[in-house]
Amino acid sequence: MNTRKLTFLYLAALLAAATVPAMAADPARVQREIIPGSELMTSQEREQYRLRLRGASTPEERERLRAAHVKAMEERARLQGLKVSDPSRERKGVK
């Protein structure tokens, strides 16, 4: 191999090694909540929902936003003759 290729491979390996621990150390980037009713939403609606939750200033506000979203998705599903699955509520034993 020539020197240019070796230098490129070396720099690529350094960059990869430096990036992986940083991503693993940031749980916000790794952990993603399953959005109830996401199958009924557009990608733009999902992103807007995520932004609203990130903008919540308290856990109570976040839960209020989430509950309102679930209610809206349940209504949307009902109008289409479907049912929304909410894994986080199922884990808590709420039906």
N, C-alpha and C. Protein backbone atom coordinates (compact mmCIF):
# COMPACT_ATOMS: atom_id res chain seq x y z
N MET A 1 0.84 -1.19 0.00
CA MET A 1 0.00 0.00 0.00
C MET A 1 0.88 1.24 0.00
N ASN A 2 0.36 2.22 -0.63
CA ASN A 2 1.14 3.46 -0.63
C ASN A 2 0.87 4.27 0.62
N THR A 3 1.68 5.26 0.85
CA THR A 3 1.61 6.08 2.06
C THR A 3 0.29 6.83 2.18
N ARG A 4 -0.23 7.30 1.08
CA ARG A 4 -1.49 8.06 1.10
C ARG A 4 -2.64 7.18 1.61
N LYS A 5 -2.71 5.94 1.13
CA LYS A 5 -3.78 5.03 1.56
C LYS A 5 -3.64 4.70 3.05
N LEU A 6 -2.41 4.43 3.47
CA LEU A 6 -2.17 4.13 4.89
C LEU A 6 -2.55 5.30 5.78
N THR A 7 -2.22 6.50 5.36
CA THR A 7 -2.57 7.69 6.13
C THR A 7 -4.08 7.84 6.22
N PHE A 8 -4.77 7.63 5.11
CA PHE A 8 -6.22 7.73 5.09
C PHE A 8 -6.84 6.69 6.03
N LEU A 9 -6.39 5.44 5.94
CA LEU A 9 -6.92 4.39 6.81
C LEU A 9 -6.66 4.69 8.28
N TYR A 10 -5.48 5.19 8.59
CA TYR A 10 -5.13 5.56 9.96
C TYR A 10 -6.04 6.66 10.48
N LEU A 11 -6.26 7.70 9.68
CA LEU A 11 -7.13 8.80 10.10
C LEU A 11 -8.58 8.34 10.24
N ALA A 12 -9.04 7.48 9.35
CA ALA A 12 -10.40 6.96 9.44
C ALA A 12 -10.57 6.13 10.71
N ALA A 13 -9.57 5.32 11.05
CA ALA A 13 -9.63 4.52 12.27
C ALA A 13 -9.65 5.40 13.52
N LEU A 14 -8.84 6.45 13.52
CA LEU A 14 -8.83 7.38 14.65
C LEU A 14 -10.18 8.08 14.82
N LEU A 15 -10.74 8.50 13.71
CA LEU A 15 -12.05 9.16 13.75
C LEU A 15 -13.12 8.21 14.27
N ALA A 16 -13.13 6.99 13.79
CA ALA A 16 -14.12 6.00 14.24
C ALA A 16 -13.96 5.72 15.72
N ALA A 17 -12.73 5.56 16.18
CA ALA A 17 -12.48 5.27 17.59
C ALA A 17 -12.90 6.43 18.48
N ALA A 18 -12.73 7.63 18.02
CA ALA A 18 -13.08 8.81 18.82
C ALA A 18 -14.59 9.02 18.84
N THR A 19 -15.30 8.60 17.82
CA THR A 19 -16.74 8.85 17.71
C THR A 19 -17.55 7.84 18.50
N VAL A 20 -17.19 6.58 18.48
CA VAL A 20 -17.99 5.54 19.12
C VAL A 20 -18.17 5.76 20.61
N PRO A 21 -17.13 6.00 21.41
CA PRO A 21 -17.35 6.23 22.84
C PRO A 21 -18.20 7.47 23.11
N ALA A 22 -18.05 8.49 22.31
CA ALA A 22 -18.83 9.70 22.53
C ALA A 22 -20.31 9.43 22.32
N MET A 23 -20.65 8.63 21.32
CA MET A 23 -22.05 8.30 21.07
C MET A 23 -22.59 7.41 22.19
N ALA A 24 -21.80 6.45 22.65
CA ALA A 24 -22.25 5.54 23.70
C ALA A 24 -22.41 6.27 25.03
N ALA A 25 -21.65 7.32 25.26
CA ALA A 25 -21.73 8.06 26.52
C ALA A 25 -22.95 8.97 26.59
N ASP A 26 -23.58 9.25 25.46
CA ASP A 26 -24.73 10.14 25.41
C ASP A 26 -26.01 9.31 25.28
N PRO A 27 -26.69 8.99 26.40
CA PRO A 27 -27.87 8.13 26.34
C PRO A 27 -29.02 8.74 25.56
N ALA A 28 -29.07 10.06 25.44
CA ALA A 28 -30.15 10.69 24.67
C ALA A 28 -30.05 10.31 23.20
N ARG A 29 -28.86 10.07 22.72
CA ARG A 29 -28.69 9.68 21.32
C ARG A 29 -28.97 8.20 21.12
N VAL A 30 -28.75 7.39 22.15
CA VAL A 30 -28.90 5.95 22.02
C VAL A 30 -30.32 5.51 22.33
N GLN A 31 -30.89 6.02 23.39
CA GLN A 31 -32.21 5.60 23.84
C GLN A 31 -33.29 6.36 23.08
N ARG A 32 -34.24 5.62 22.53
CA ARG A 32 -35.35 6.24 21.81
C ARG A 32 -36.63 5.62 22.30
N GLU A 33 -37.57 6.46 22.59
CA GLU A 33 -38.88 6.01 23.03
C GLU A 33 -39.68 5.54 21.82
N ILE A 34 -40.45 4.48 22.01
CA ILE A 34 -41.38 4.05 20.98
C ILE A 34 -42.57 5.01 21.05
N ILE A 35 -42.89 5.63 19.95
CA ILE A 35 -43.97 6.61 19.91
C ILE A 35 -45.29 5.89 19.70
N PRO A 36 -46.20 5.99 20.65
CA PRO A 36 -47.51 5.36 20.47
C PRO A 36 -48.22 5.92 19.24
N GLY A 37 -48.69 5.04 18.38
CA GLY A 37 -49.39 5.48 17.18
C GLY A 37 -48.48 5.94 16.07
N SER A 38 -47.19 5.66 16.19
CA SER A 38 -46.24 6.14 15.17
C SER A 38 -46.59 5.63 13.77
N GLU A 39 -47.21 4.47 13.72
CA GLU A 39 -47.58 3.91 12.41
C GLU A 39 -48.69 4.71 11.74
N LEU A 40 -49.35 5.58 12.51
CA LEU A 40 -50.42 6.42 11.97
C LEU A 40 -49.93 7.83 11.66
N MET A 41 -48.65 8.09 11.90
CA MET A 41 -48.09 9.43 11.77
C MET A 41 -47.13 9.52 10.60
N THR A 42 -46.98 10.72 10.08
CA THR A 42 -45.95 10.97 9.07
C THR A 42 -44.62 11.16 9.79
N SER A 43 -43.53 11.10 9.05
CA SER A 43 -42.22 11.31 9.67
C SER A 43 -42.13 12.73 10.24
N GLN A 44 -42.77 13.69 9.58
CA GLN A 44 -42.76 15.06 10.09
C GLN A 44 -43.52 15.15 11.42
N GLU A 45 -44.64 14.47 11.52
CA GLU A 45 -45.40 14.48 12.78
C GLU A 45 -44.60 13.82 13.90
N ARG A 46 -43.89 12.74 13.59
CA ARG A 46 -43.06 12.08 14.62
C ARG A 46 -41.96 13.01 15.10
N GLU A 47 -41.33 13.72 14.19
CA GLU A 47 -40.26 14.64 14.57
C GLU A 47 -40.81 15.80 15.40
N GLN A 48 -41.97 16.33 15.04
CA GLN A 48 -42.60 17.41 15.82
C GLN A 48 -42.94 16.93 17.23
N TYR A 49 -43.42 15.69 17.34
CA TYR A 49 -43.73 15.11 18.65
C TYR A 49 -42.46 15.03 19.50
N ARG A 50 -41.37 14.53 18.89
CA ARG A 50 -40.10 14.44 19.63
C ARG A 50 -39.63 15.81 20.09
N LEU A 51 -39.75 16.81 19.24
CA LEU A 51 -39.32 18.16 19.60
C LEU A 51 -40.15 18.72 20.75
N ARG A 52 -41.47 18.48 20.72
CA ARG A 52 -42.33 18.95 21.82
C ARG A 52 -41.92 18.29 23.13
N LEU A 53 -41.64 16.98 23.10
CA LEU A 53 -41.24 16.30 24.34
C LEU A 53 -39.89 16.82 24.84
N ARG A 54 -38.95 17.03 23.94
CA ARG A 54 -37.64 17.57 24.35
C ARG A 54 -37.77 18.96 24.94
N GLY A 55 -38.76 19.71 24.48
CA GLY A 55 -38.95 21.08 24.95
C GLY A 55 -39.69 21.17 26.28
N ALA A 56 -40.22 20.05 26.76
CA ALA A 56 -40.93 20.06 28.04
C ALA A 56 -39.96 20.41 29.16
N SER A 57 -40.38 21.31 30.04
CA SER A 57 -39.46 21.77 31.09
C SER A 57 -39.51 20.90 32.34
N THR A 58 -40.56 20.10 32.52
CA THR A 58 -40.67 19.24 33.69
C THR A 58 -41.13 17.85 33.27
N PRO A 59 -40.87 16.85 34.09
CA PRO A 59 -41.39 15.51 33.79
C PRO A 59 -42.93 15.48 33.73
N GLU A 60 -43.57 16.32 34.54
CA GLU A 60 -45.03 16.37 34.53
C GLU A 60 -45.56 16.91 33.20
N GLU A 61 -44.89 17.95 32.69
CA GLU A 61 -45.29 18.50 31.40
C GLU A 61 -45.07 17.48 30.29
N ARG A 62 -43.95 16.77 30.38
CA ARG A 62 -43.66 15.72 29.39
C ARG A 62 -44.75 14.65 29.42
N GLU A 63 -45.16 14.24 30.59
CA GLU A 63 -46.21 13.22 30.72
C GLU A 63 -47.55 13.74 30.22
N ARG A 64 -47.83 15.01 30.47
CA ARG A 64 -49.08 15.61 29.98
C ARG A 64 -49.10 15.63 28.45
N LEU A 65 -47.98 16.03 27.84
CA LEU A 65 -47.88 16.04 26.38
C LEU A 65 -48.03 14.64 25.82
N ARG A 66 -47.40 13.69 26.47
CA ARG A 66 -47.47 12.30 26.02
C ARG A 66 -48.90 11.77 26.12
N ALA A 67 -49.58 12.05 27.22
CA ALA A 67 -50.96 11.59 27.40
C ALA A 67 -51.89 12.20 26.35
N ALA A 68 -51.70 13.47 26.06
CA ALA A 68 -52.51 14.14 25.04
C ALA A 68 -52.24 13.52 23.67
N HIS A 69 -50.99 13.19 23.41
CA HIS A 69 -50.64 12.55 22.14
C HIS A 69 -51.31 11.18 22.02
N VAL A 70 -51.23 10.38 23.08
CA VAL A 70 -51.83 9.04 23.06
C VAL A 70 -53.33 9.16 22.80
N LYS A 71 -53.98 10.10 23.46
CA LYS A 71 -55.41 10.29 23.27
C LYS A 71 -55.73 10.65 21.81
N ALA A 72 -54.93 11.54 21.23
CA ALA A 72 -55.13 11.94 19.83
C ALA A 72 -54.91 10.76 18.88
N MET A 73 -53.89 9.95 19.16
CA MET A 73 -53.61 8.79 18.31
C MET A 73 -54.70 7.72 18.46
N GLU A 74 -55.22 7.56 19.67
CA GLU A 74 -56.33 6.62 19.87
C GLU A 74 -57.55 7.04 19.06
N GLU A 75 -57.82 8.34 19.03
CA GLU A 75 -58.95 8.85 18.25
C GLU A 75 -58.69 8.65 16.75
N ARG A 76 -57.48 8.95 16.30
CA ARG A 76 -57.15 8.76 14.90
C ARG A 76 -57.30 7.29 14.50
N ALA A 77 -56.83 6.41 15.37
CA ALA A 77 -56.94 4.97 15.10
C ALA A 77 -58.40 4.53 15.09
N ARG A 78 -59.18 5.04 16.03
CA ARG A 78 -60.59 4.67 16.11
C ARG A 78 -61.31 5.04 14.81
N LEU A 79 -61.01 6.22 14.29
CA LEU A 79 -61.64 6.66 13.05
C LEU A 79 -61.26 5.77 11.86
N GLN A 80 -60.12 5.11 11.96
CA GLN A 80 -59.67 4.22 10.89
C GLN A 80 -59.99 2.76 11.19
N GLY A 81 -60.68 2.51 12.32
CA GLY A 81 -61.02 1.15 12.69
C GLY A 81 -59.84 0.35 13.22
N LEU A 82 -58.86 1.05 13.80
CA LEU A 82 -57.65 0.41 14.32
C LEU A 82 -57.54 0.63 15.83
N LYS A 83 -56.50 0.05 16.42
CA LYS A 83 -56.23 0.25 17.84
C LYS A 83 -54.75 0.58 18.00
N VAL A 84 -54.45 1.54 18.89
CA VAL A 84 -53.07 1.97 19.13
C VAL A 84 -52.47 1.11 20.23
N SER A 85 -51.27 0.63 19.98
CA SER A 85 -50.51 -0.09 20.99
C SER A 85 -49.57 0.89 21.67
N ASP A 86 -49.57 0.89 22.99
CA ASP A 86 -48.70 1.78 23.76
C ASP A 86 -47.85 0.93 24.70
N PRO A 87 -46.66 0.51 24.25
CA PRO A 87 -45.81 -0.36 25.06
C PRO A 87 -45.49 0.17 26.45
N SER A 88 -45.32 1.48 26.59
CA SER A 88 -44.96 2.01 27.92
C SER A 88 -46.13 1.86 28.89
N ARG A 89 -47.35 2.04 28.44
CA ARG A 89 -48.51 1.86 29.31
C ARG A 89 -48.72 0.38 29.61
N GLU A 90 -48.44 -0.49 28.63
CA GLU A 90 -48.59 -1.92 28.86
C GLU A 90 -47.60 -2.41 29.89
N ARG A 91 -46.38 -1.86 29.89
CA ARG A 91 -45.39 -2.24 30.88
C ARG A 91 -45.80 -1.81 32.28
N LYS A 92 -46.52 -0.70 32.38
CA LYS A 92 -46.97 -0.19 33.68
C LYS A 92 -48.24 -0.88 34.14
N GLY A 93 -48.84 -1.70 33.27
CA GLY A 93 -50.08 -2.39 33.63
C GLY A 93 -51.32 -1.56 33.40
N VAL A 94 -51.22 -0.45 32.64
CA VAL A 94 -52.36 0.41 32.34
C VAL A 94 -52.95 -0.04 31.01
N LYS A 95 -54.26 -0.13 30.95
CA LYS A 95 -54.90 -0.53 29.69
C LYS A 95 -55.64 0.59 29.07
